[in-house]
C-alpha atoms as a PDB file:
ATOM      1  CA  MET A   1     143.843  38.326 135.837  1.00  0.00           C
ATOM      2  CA  LYS A   2     145.146  41.732 135.045  1.00  0.00           C
ATOM      3  CA  LEU A   3     144.170  43.810 131.628  1.00  0.00           C
ATOM      4  CA  THR A   4     145.650  45.731 130.538  1.00  0.00           C
ATOM      5  CA  PHE A   5     144.117  49.025 127.800  1.00  0.00           C
ATOM      6  CA  ILE A   6     144.775  48.977 124.410  1.00  0.00           C
ATOM      7  CA  ARG A   7     141.986  50.843 122.509  1.00  0.00           C
ATOM      8  CA  LYS A   8     138.084  52.431 122.812  1.00  0.00           C
ATOM      9  CA  THR A   9     136.403  53.089 119.822  1.00  0.00           C
ATOM     10  CA  ARG A  10     136.400  57.030 118.762  1.00  0.00           C
ATOM     11  CA  LEU A  11     132.467  57.159 119.162  1.00  0.00           C
ATOM     12  CA  SER A  12     132.262  56.081 122.669  1.00  0.00           C
ATOM     13  CA  GLY A  13     132.736  59.903 124.202  1.00  0.00           C
ATOM     14  CA  ASP A  14     133.048  59.394 127.330  1.00  0.00           C
ATOM     15  CA  SER A  15     132.310  56.077 127.929  1.00  0.00           C
ATOM     16  CA  ASN A  16     134.646  53.501 127.247  1.00  0.00           C
ATOM     17  CA  CYS A  17     132.938  51.092 125.073  1.00  0.00           C
ATOM     18  CA  PRO A  18     132.877  49.564 123.179  1.00  0.00           C
ATOM     19  CA  SER A  19     137.071  48.629 124.330  1.00  0.00           C
ATOM     20  CA  LEU A  20     139.853  46.235 123.825  1.00  0.00           C
ATOM     21  CA  TYR A  21     142.358  44.771 126.945  1.00  0.00           C
ATOM     22  CA  ARG A  22     145.297  42.436 127.170  1.00  0.00           C
ATOM     23  CA  THR A  23     145.341  40.239 129.374  1.00  0.00           C
ATOM     24  CA  ASP A  24     148.875  38.734 130.661  1.00  0.00           C
ATOM     25  CA  ARG A  25     147.345  34.922 129.620  1.00  0.00           C
ATOM     26  CA  GLY A  26     148.337  35.338 126.335  1.00  0.00           C
ATOM     27  CA  THR A  27     144.349  36.794 125.483  1.00  0.00           C
ATOM     28  CA  PHE A  28     141.607  39.715 125.003  1.00  0.00           C
ATOM     29  CA  VAL A  29     139.102  40.717 126.920  1.00  0.00           C
ATOM     30  CA  VAL A  30     136.257  42.346 124.544  1.00  0.00           C
ATOM     31  CA  GLN A  31     134.056  45.045 126.184  1.00  0.00           C
ATOM     32  CA  GLY A  32     131.229  45.033 123.761  1.00  0.00           C
ATOM     33  CA  TRP A  33     127.425  46.528 122.806  1.00  0.00           C
ATOM     34  CA  ARG A  34     125.467  43.157 123.259  1.00  0.00           C
ATOM     35  CA  VAL A  35     124.274  41.180 120.286  1.00  0.00           C
ATOM     36  CA  THR A  36     120.480  40.264 120.744  1.00  0.00           C
ATOM     37  CA  ASP A  37     118.966  40.904 117.085  1.00  0.00           C
ATOM     38  CA  PRO A  38     117.585  36.863 117.060  1.00  0.00           C
ATOM     39  CA  GLU A  39     118.719  36.871 113.097  1.00  0.00           C
ATOM     40  CA  THR A  40     121.776  38.122 114.119  1.00  0.00           C
ATOM     41  CA  LEU A  41     121.962  35.262 116.734  1.00  0.00           C
ATOM     42  CA  ALA A  42     120.414  32.642 114.946  1.00  0.00           C
ATOM     43  CA  GLN A  43     123.399  32.125 112.471  1.00  0.00           C
ATOM     44  CA  LEU A  44     125.500  31.005 115.686  1.00  0.00           C
ATOM     45  CA  ASP A  45     125.861  28.454 117.737  1.00  0.00           C
ATOM     46  CA  ILE A  46     126.693  30.334 120.910  1.00  0.00           C
ATOM     47  CA  PRO A  47     127.300  27.939 124.453  1.00  0.00           C
ATOM     48  CA  ALA A  48     125.226  29.140 127.393  1.00  0.00           C
ATOM     49  CA  HIS A  49     128.130  30.358 129.335  1.00  0.00           C
ATOM     50  CA  GLU A  50     129.287  32.400 126.304  1.00  0.00           C
ATOM     51  CA  THR A  51     128.334  35.108 124.253  1.00  0.00           C
ATOM     52  CA  VAL A  52     128.395  37.226 121.269  1.00  0.00           C
ATOM     53  CA  VAL A  53     129.380  41.087 121.388  1.00  0.00           C
ATOM     54  CA  GLU A  54     129.364  43.921 118.618  1.00  0.00           C
ATOM     55  CA  VAL A  55     132.813  46.218 118.064  1.00  0.00           C
ATOM     56  CA  PRO A  56     134.046  48.227 116.143  1.00  0.00           C
ATOM     57  CA  GLU A  57     136.238  47.698 113.328  1.00  0.00           C
ATOM     58  CA  ASP A  58     138.827  50.843 115.213  1.00  0.00           C
ATOM     59  CA  VAL A  59     138.997  49.113 118.270  1.00  0.00           C
ATOM     60  CA  LEU A  60     139.848  46.195 116.203  1.00  0.00           C
ATOM     61  CA  ALA A  61     142.842  47.984 114.002  1.00  0.00           C
ATOM     62  CA  GLU A  62     144.852  49.013 117.468  1.00  0.00           C
ATOM     63  CA  ILE A  63     145.485  45.021 117.028  1.00  0.00           C
ATOM     64  CA  ALA A  64     146.373  44.878 113.111  1.00  0.00           C
ATOM     65  CA  LYS A  65     148.734  47.791 113.671  1.00  0.00           C
ATOM     66  CA  HIS A  66     150.826  45.866 116.159  1.00  0.00           C
ATOM     67  CA  HIS A  67     150.501  42.533 114.440  1.00  0.00           C
END
């Protein structure tokens, strides 16, 4: 899978987290803050092979500008 960097949050400083990448498979890869809060996780049905991450709005707004 080839990744193309789209955007990192303004909050990241010198790091690249959270970030959004486009793949060559017509999908996106999201790098974000791992959600560990039990109350938040209880609201979701997450299979063992998946996880959830939190991403700032400015990262996702980049997609909206191009679609």
